[in-house]
Amino acid sequence: MDHLTGESDIPDQVGSSAACGGGPHSGEEVAQHDTPISSVPPQEDVPTKGKKKRSWLWSHFEEIIKDGEVRAKCTYCNGDVCGKSKSGTTVMKNHLLRCKEYPPNINKSQTFLKFSKSEQTHASVDDDLVAEKRSKLEVWKFKQDETRKALAKMIIMDELPFRFVEREGFRYFMSVAQPNFIFPSRWTVARDCYQAYLEEKKNIKSFFSKCSSRISLTTDTWTSCQNLNYMCLTAHFIDHDWNLHKKIINFCQISGHSGEVIGKEVEKCLLEWGITRVMTITVDNASSNDVGVEYVRKRLQRWKDGTVLNGKFVHMRCASHVLNLTVREGLK
């Protein structure tokens, strides 16, 4: 640096070294200084550790290795966008502008906030586990599909008729609560309820396949006013959090009340749901149930780990039915 003129003498030194032929690589060294550092491709596919990306787009993407090549993956939609840094960031920018999961692209109007369902966590206080419930603040947006699923669940839980969605009072209420809701027909609601049944059945079958505890069954049969025979089979089990559950796994029409028919229907249901480890089967004191439980007991003994103590305590009597018979006999 010249203290009188304020000009730097570094360019003159570089030029003089090039003019004087300061080695066979002097010209190459000057050319490398003229080239931006970010445009020089790395020597290996694996990115250098600790190297910080310059573009702001990298805060929305992450590097992955796919088929031995370094790629950029969107953190919102997990889409594989581009390859090495020599491809530039234009592809990444274009993807971000049309990404449907990118928050600014979801809804540019005013949004609403809601508290999601509380999640139960466990905290240690003086070496004791204490249950805590925490809620999460999220952005709310109306979703037609999620609302239809909630409507189907309401129809099932409250045992409402499918025609309920076509009633004037319900349509007026929804037009005030959410004008964007498209009203489905009773046929569409019936299909949604059946789809909800298939999804719940899939989840329960997955749980049964991984469940380590045994399952207790209760069953009963009756004849309707139309002279049709029905049977209901209910499964009782405990999950991993020690919560007791009760699920109806079969409700079907049967040909009669004989013990063989009942036993075959129970066996068919167990095979359909993948239930192989049974604790007990609770029935009333009907003689046909004795034959049906004995049939199921013999089948379970052939299965691996199907019963406890060789099925000695599989048959359980319904306490409510026994109490009912006792009271009736005492009132005679």
Protein backbone atom coordinates (compact mmCIF):
# COMPACT_ATOMS: atom_id res chain seq x y z
CA MET A 1 0.00 0.00 0.00
CA ASP A 2 1.38 3.40 -1.04
CA HIS A 3 0.89 5.80 1.86
CA LEU A 4 1.11 8.84 -0.41
CA THR A 5 -1.30 7.88 -3.18
CA GLY A 6 -3.49 5.37 -1.25
CA GLU A 7 -3.25 2.80 -4.09
CA SER A 8 -2.46 -0.86 -3.61
CA ASP A 9 0.58 -2.40 -5.22
CA ILE A 10 -0.76 -6.01 -5.11
CA PRO A 11 -2.06 -6.04 -8.75
CA ASP A 12 1.35 -4.86 -9.97
CA GLN A 13 2.97 -7.72 -8.12
CA VAL A 14 0.62 -10.26 -9.64
CA GLY A 15 1.10 -8.79 -13.12
CA SER A 16 4.84 -8.68 -12.77
CA SER A 17 5.01 -12.27 -11.62
CA ALA A 18 2.95 -13.32 -14.67
CA ALA A 19 5.09 -11.24 -17.02
CA CYS A 20 8.31 -12.56 -15.61
CA GLY A 21 7.13 -16.14 -15.96
CA GLY A 22 7.02 -16.95 -12.28
CA GLY A 23 6.67 -20.71 -12.88
CA PRO A 24 4.66 -22.87 -15.24
CA HIS A 25 1.50 -22.59 -13.15
CA SER A 26 1.46 -18.84 -12.67
CA GLY A 27 -1.12 -18.22 -15.41
CA GLU A 28 -3.34 -20.96 -14.02
CA GLU A 29 -3.21 -19.44 -10.55
CA VAL A 30 -4.43 -16.09 -11.92
CA ALA A 31 -7.25 -17.80 -13.80
CA GLN A 32 -8.37 -19.55 -10.66
CA HIS A 33 -8.62 -16.23 -8.82
CA ASP A 34 -10.89 -14.87 -11.56
CA THR A 35 -13.30 -17.83 -11.24
CA PRO A 36 -15.90 -17.71 -8.40
CA ILE A 37 -15.22 -20.26 -5.69
CA SER A 38 -18.86 -21.46 -5.57
CA SER A 39 -18.74 -22.55 -9.23
CA VAL A 40 -15.81 -24.92 -8.73
CA PRO A 41 -17.25 -28.46 -8.37
CA PRO A 42 -16.07 -30.54 -5.42
CA GLN A 43 -13.70 -33.39 -6.06
CA GLU A 44 -15.95 -35.96 -4.33
CA ASP A 45 -19.70 -36.68 -4.20
CA VAL A 46 -19.79 -36.47 -0.41
CA PRO A 47 -20.03 -32.81 0.70
CA THR A 48 -17.22 -31.39 2.77
CA LYS A 49 -18.00 -31.37 6.47
CA GLY A 50 -18.33 -27.94 7.99
CA LYS A 51 -18.74 -26.20 4.65
CA LYS A 52 -21.53 -23.64 4.91
CA LYS A 53 -23.88 -23.08 1.98
CA ARG A 54 -24.10 -19.51 0.76
CA SER A 55 -27.58 -19.48 -0.79
CA TRP A 56 -30.63 -18.85 1.39
CA LEU A 57 -32.37 -21.71 -0.42
CA TRP A 58 -30.35 -24.26 1.52
CA SER A 59 -32.39 -23.40 4.61
CA HIS A 60 -35.31 -25.13 2.84
CA PHE A 61 -33.34 -28.08 1.42
CA GLU A 62 -30.98 -30.70 2.77
CA GLU A 63 -28.27 -32.77 1.17
CA ILE A 64 -28.83 -36.49 0.65
CA ILE A 65 -26.82 -39.21 -1.07
CA LYS A 66 -28.82 -41.15 -3.66
CA ASP A 67 -27.19 -43.78 -5.88
CA GLY A 68 -23.78 -42.45 -4.88
CA GLU A 69 -24.66 -38.89 -5.94
CA VAL A 70 -25.25 -35.87 -3.73
CA ARG A 71 -28.80 -34.57 -4.19
CA ALA A 72 -30.95 -31.80 -2.69
CA LYS A 73 -34.20 -32.84 -0.96
CA CYS A 74 -37.01 -30.44 -0.12
CA THR A 75 -37.70 -30.35 3.63
CA TYR A 76 -41.44 -29.75 3.06
CA CYS A 77 -42.50 -32.33 0.44
CA ASN A 78 -39.37 -34.57 0.57
CA GLY A 79 -39.00 -34.16 -3.18
CA ASP A 80 -35.68 -34.98 -4.86
CA VAL A 81 -34.84 -31.75 -6.69
CA CYS A 82 -31.33 -31.54 -8.17
CA GLY A 83 -27.81 -32.86 -8.00
CA LYS A 84 -24.45 -31.30 -7.23
CA SER A 85 -23.84 -27.62 -6.67
CA LYS A 86 -22.74 -27.22 -10.28
CA SER A 87 -26.43 -27.43 -11.24
CA GLY A 88 -27.01 -24.12 -9.51
CA THR A 89 -29.89 -23.09 -7.29
CA THR A 90 -32.37 -22.13 -10.03
CA VAL A 91 -34.01 -25.55 -9.94
CA MET A 92 -34.36 -25.33 -6.18
CA LYS A 93 -35.91 -21.87 -6.38
CA ASN A 94 -38.43 -22.94 -9.03
CA HIS A 95 -39.39 -25.96 -6.97
CA LEU A 96 -39.91 -23.84 -3.87
CA LEU A 97 -42.25 -21.50 -5.77
CA ARG A 98 -44.57 -24.35 -6.78
CA CYS A 99 -44.15 -26.64 -3.75
CA LYS A 100 -47.62 -27.32 -2.32
CA GLU A 101 -46.25 -27.99 1.18
CA TYR A 102 -44.26 -24.74 1.38
CA PRO A 103 -46.13 -22.61 3.99
CA PRO A 104 -46.35 -19.39 1.90
CA ASN A 105 -47.87 -21.40 -0.96
CA ILE A 106 -50.54 -23.10 1.16
CA ASN A 107 -52.71 -20.11 1.92
CA LYS A 108 -51.76 -16.48 1.39
CA SER A 109 -54.92 -15.15 3.06
CA GLN A 110 -55.40 -14.57 6.77
CA THR A 111 -54.96 -17.78 8.75
CA PHE A 112 -56.38 -19.06 12.03
CA LEU A 113 -54.58 -20.64 14.94
CA LYS A 114 -55.77 -23.64 16.94
CA PHE A 115 -54.52 -25.89 19.70
CA SER A 116 -54.01 -29.46 18.59
CA LYS A 117 -54.92 -32.46 20.70
CA SER A 118 -52.97 -32.65 23.91
CA GLU A 119 -50.24 -35.24 24.02
CA GLN A 120 -49.51 -37.05 27.24
CA THR A 121 -45.88 -37.05 28.26
CA HIS A 122 -44.07 -38.31 31.34
CA ALA A 123 -41.80 -36.12 33.43
CA SER A 124 -39.61 -37.21 36.31
CA VAL A 125 -40.22 -35.46 39.63
CA ASP A 126 -38.15 -36.81 42.52
CA ASP A 127 -37.62 -40.04 40.59
CA ASP A 128 -41.41 -40.43 40.14
CA LEU A 129 -43.05 -40.39 36.73
CA VAL A 130 -45.75 -37.75 36.48
CA ALA A 131 -48.09 -37.57 33.49
CA GLU A 132 -48.24 -34.21 31.73
CA LYS A 133 -50.47 -33.04 28.89
CA ARG A 134 -49.13 -30.57 26.38
CA SER A 135 -50.90 -28.87 23.49
CA LYS A 136 -49.37 -27.66 20.26
CA LEU A 137 -50.32 -24.44 18.47
CA GLU A 138 -50.94 -24.98 14.76
CA VAL A 139 -52.30 -23.10 11.76
CA TRP A 140 -55.89 -24.13 10.98
CA LYS A 141 -57.31 -24.41 7.48
CA PHE A 142 -60.62 -25.88 6.33
CA LYS A 143 -60.23 -29.30 4.72
CA GLN A 144 -63.19 -30.93 2.97
CA ASP A 145 -61.85 -34.49 3.25
CA GLU A 146 -61.10 -34.23 6.97
CA THR A 147 -64.55 -32.75 7.62
CA ARG A 148 -66.22 -35.62 5.75
CA LYS A 149 -64.29 -38.14 7.85
CA ALA A 150 -65.40 -36.36 11.03
CA LEU A 151 -68.99 -36.39 9.76
CA ALA A 152 -68.84 -40.14 9.13
CA LYS A 153 -67.44 -40.68 12.63
CA MET A 154 -70.28 -38.63 14.12
CA ILE A 155 -72.85 -40.72 12.21
CA ILE A 156 -71.29 -43.92 13.60
CA MET A 157 -70.81 -42.75 17.20
CA ASP A 158 -74.29 -41.20 17.59
CA GLU A 159 -76.00 -43.96 15.53
CA LEU A 160 -77.59 -41.43 13.20
CA PRO A 161 -79.30 -42.37 9.92
CA PHE A 162 -77.45 -41.65 6.67
CA ARG A 163 -80.33 -39.37 5.65
CA PHE A 164 -79.34 -37.06 8.50
CA VAL A 165 -77.00 -35.12 6.18
CA GLU A 166 -79.95 -34.25 3.93
CA ARG A 167 -82.09 -32.75 6.68
CA GLU A 168 -82.79 -29.05 6.58
CA GLY A 169 -81.60 -28.32 10.13
CA PHE A 170 -78.15 -29.87 9.59
CA ARG A 171 -77.67 -28.05 6.27
CA TYR A 172 -78.64 -24.73 7.84
CA PHE A 173 -76.23 -25.24 10.74
CA MET A 174 -73.31 -26.11 8.43
CA SER A 175 -74.06 -23.16 6.13
CA VAL A 176 -73.56 -20.88 9.14
CA ALA A 177 -70.66 -22.74 10.76
CA GLN A 178 -68.68 -23.44 7.56
CA PRO A 179 -70.12 -22.11 4.27
CA ASN A 180 -67.31 -23.80 2.29
CA PHE A 181 -68.49 -27.29 3.27
CA ILE A 182 -69.87 -29.27 0.31
CA PHE A 183 -72.80 -31.39 1.49
CA PRO A 184 -72.49 -35.08 0.63
CA SER A 185 -75.46 -37.29 -0.18
CA ARG A 186 -76.59 -40.15 2.06
CA TRP A 187 -74.95 -42.59 -0.38
CA THR A 188 -71.63 -40.80 -0.04
CA VAL A 189 -71.90 -40.82 3.75
CA ALA A 190 -72.58 -44.57 3.67
CA ARG A 191 -69.41 -45.10 1.64
CA ASP A 192 -67.43 -42.88 4.03
CA CYS A 193 -68.66 -44.91 7.01
CA TYR A 194 -67.67 -48.15 5.32
CA GLN A 195 -64.24 -46.71 4.49
CA ALA A 196 -63.83 -45.69 8.14
CA TYR A 197 -64.67 -49.28 9.11
CA LEU A 198 -62.01 -50.66 6.75
CA GLU A 199 -59.36 -48.29 8.11
CA GLU A 200 -60.21 -49.12 11.73
CA LYS A 201 -60.19 -52.84 10.92
CA LYS A 202 -56.76 -52.50 9.35
CA ASN A 203 -55.41 -50.72 12.43
CA ILE A 204 -56.85 -53.31 14.83
CA LYS A 205 -55.50 -56.21 12.77
CA SER A 206 -52.09 -54.57 12.82
CA PHE A 207 -52.34 -54.23 16.60
CA PHE A 208 -53.36 -57.89 17.02
CA SER A 209 -50.36 -59.01 14.96
CA LYS A 210 -47.99 -57.14 17.29
CA CYS A 211 -49.89 -57.61 20.55
CA SER A 212 -48.08 -59.66 23.18
CA SER A 213 -51.06 -60.04 25.53
CA ARG A 214 -53.88 -62.54 25.19
CA ILE A 215 -57.37 -61.63 24.02
CA SER A 216 -60.61 -62.51 25.81
CA LEU A 217 -63.81 -63.05 23.81
CA THR A 218 -67.50 -62.66 24.60
CA THR A 219 -70.26 -63.83 22.27
CA ASP A 220 -74.04 -64.02 22.23
CA THR A 221 -76.74 -65.06 19.77
CA TRP A 222 -80.38 -64.06 19.41
CA THR A 223 -83.33 -64.15 17.02
CA SER A 224 -84.80 -60.94 15.63
CA CYS A 225 -88.47 -60.13 15.14
CA GLN A 226 -88.03 -61.11 11.47
CA ASN A 227 -87.06 -64.63 12.68
CA LEU A 228 -83.40 -64.11 11.63
CA ASN A 229 -80.53 -65.47 13.72
CA TYR A 230 -77.59 -63.19 14.59
CA MET A 231 -74.31 -63.57 16.46
CA CYS A 232 -72.04 -60.88 17.93
CA LEU A 233 -68.41 -61.47 18.90
CA THR A 234 -66.52 -58.93 21.03
CA ALA A 235 -62.77 -58.84 21.78
CA HIS A 236 -61.43 -57.50 25.10
CA PHE A 237 -57.72 -56.69 25.36
CA ILE A 238 -55.17 -54.45 27.05
CA ASP A 239 -52.80 -52.26 25.02
CA HIS A 240 -49.18 -51.37 25.74
CA ASP A 241 -50.25 -48.50 28.03
CA TRP A 242 -52.44 -50.82 30.15
CA ASN A 243 -55.70 -49.41 28.79
CA LEU A 244 -58.63 -51.81 28.50
CA HIS A 245 -60.33 -51.90 25.08
CA LYS A 246 -63.53 -53.51 23.84
CA LYS A 247 -64.01 -53.97 20.09
CA ILE A 248 -66.82 -55.72 18.19
CA ILE A 249 -64.95 -57.83 15.64
CA ASN A 250 -67.93 -59.69 14.17
CA PHE A 251 -71.66 -59.10 13.81
CA CYS A 252 -73.15 -61.55 11.34
CA GLN A 253 -76.21 -63.59 10.48
CA ILE A 254 -76.01 -67.31 11.25
CA SER A 255 -78.08 -70.27 10.09
CA GLY A 256 -79.06 -71.43 13.58
CA HIS A 257 -78.27 -71.58 17.30
CA SER A 258 -76.56 -74.97 17.29
CA GLY A 259 -73.20 -75.29 19.02
CA GLU A 260 -71.36 -76.41 15.89
CA VAL A 261 -72.57 -73.38 13.92
CA ILE A 262 -71.50 -71.02 16.72
CA GLY A 263 -68.08 -72.67 17.05
CA LYS A 264 -67.38 -72.53 13.31
CA GLU A 265 -68.35 -68.84 13.11
CA VAL A 266 -66.04 -67.99 16.03
CA GLU A 267 -63.18 -69.93 14.45
CA LYS A 268 -63.76 -68.21 11.10
CA CYS A 269 -63.65 -64.78 12.76
CA LEU A 270 -60.43 -65.58 14.65
CA LEU A 271 -58.71 -66.65 11.43
CA GLU A 272 -59.90 -63.52 9.61
CA TRP A 273 -58.52 -61.18 12.29
CA GLY A 274 -55.32 -63.16 12.84
CA ILE A 275 -56.09 -63.86 16.51
CA THR A 276 -54.17 -66.94 17.69
CA ARG A 277 -53.72 -66.37 21.45
CA VAL A 278 -57.02 -66.52 23.35
CA MET A 279 -57.42 -66.24 27.11
CA THR A 280 -61.12 -66.95 27.74
CA ILE A 281 -64.49 -67.16 25.94
CA THR A 282 -67.41 -65.86 28.01
CA VAL A 283 -70.93 -67.07 27.13
CA ASP A 284 -74.26 -67.57 28.88
CA ASN A 285 -75.57 -70.87 30.24
CA ALA A 286 -77.24 -72.08 27.04
CA SER A 287 -76.41 -75.70 26.26
CA SER A 288 -75.50 -74.87 22.68
CA ASN A 289 -72.74 -72.57 23.92
CA ASP A 290 -71.11 -75.48 25.75
CA VAL A 291 -70.80 -77.36 22.45
CA GLY A 292 -69.56 -74.26 20.62
CA VAL A 293 -66.86 -73.43 23.18
CA GLU A 294 -65.69 -77.04 23.23
CA TYR A 295 -65.34 -76.91 19.45
CA VAL A 296 -63.23 -73.74 19.65
CA ARG A 297 -61.16 -75.19 22.50
CA LYS A 298 -60.11 -78.17 20.36
CA ARG A 299 -59.16 -75.84 17.52
CA LEU A 300 -57.10 -73.59 19.78
CA GLN A 301 -55.19 -76.56 21.18
CA ARG A 302 -53.89 -77.28 17.69
CA TRP A 303 -52.58 -73.74 17.29
CA LYS A 304 -49.19 -72.71 18.61
CA ASP A 305 -49.60 -71.14 22.07
CA GLY A 306 -53.35 -70.85 21.46
CA THR A 307 -54.53 -71.48 25.03
CA VAL A 308 -53.36 -71.40 28.64
CA LEU A 309 -53.08 -74.67 30.61
CA ASN A 310 -54.27 -76.63 27.59
CA GLY A 311 -57.54 -74.67 27.47
CA LYS A 312 -58.71 -75.69 30.92
CA PHE A 313 -60.13 -72.24 31.73
CA VAL A 314 -61.25 -71.12 28.28
CA HIS A 315 -64.97 -71.56 29.01
CA MET A 316 -66.24 -68.79 31.30
CA ARG A 317 -69.84 -68.30 32.48
CA CYS A 318 -71.48 -64.89 32.21
CA ALA A 319 -71.88 -63.59 35.77
CA SER A 320 -74.76 -61.29 34.83
CA HIS A 321 -76.70 -64.16 33.30
CA VAL A 322 -76.07 -66.38 36.33
CA LEU A 323 -77.25 -63.60 38.66
CA ASN A 324 -80.36 -63.09 36.52
CA LEU A 325 -81.25 -66.77 36.70
CA THR A 326 -80.70 -66.79 40.49
CA VAL A 327 -83.01 -63.82 41.06
CA ARG A 328 -85.72 -65.29 38.84
CA GLU A 329 -85.53 -68.60 40.66
CA GLY A 330 -85.77 -66.84 44.02
CA LEU A 331 -88.84 -64.84 42.97
CA LYS A 332 -90.82 -67.89 41.95
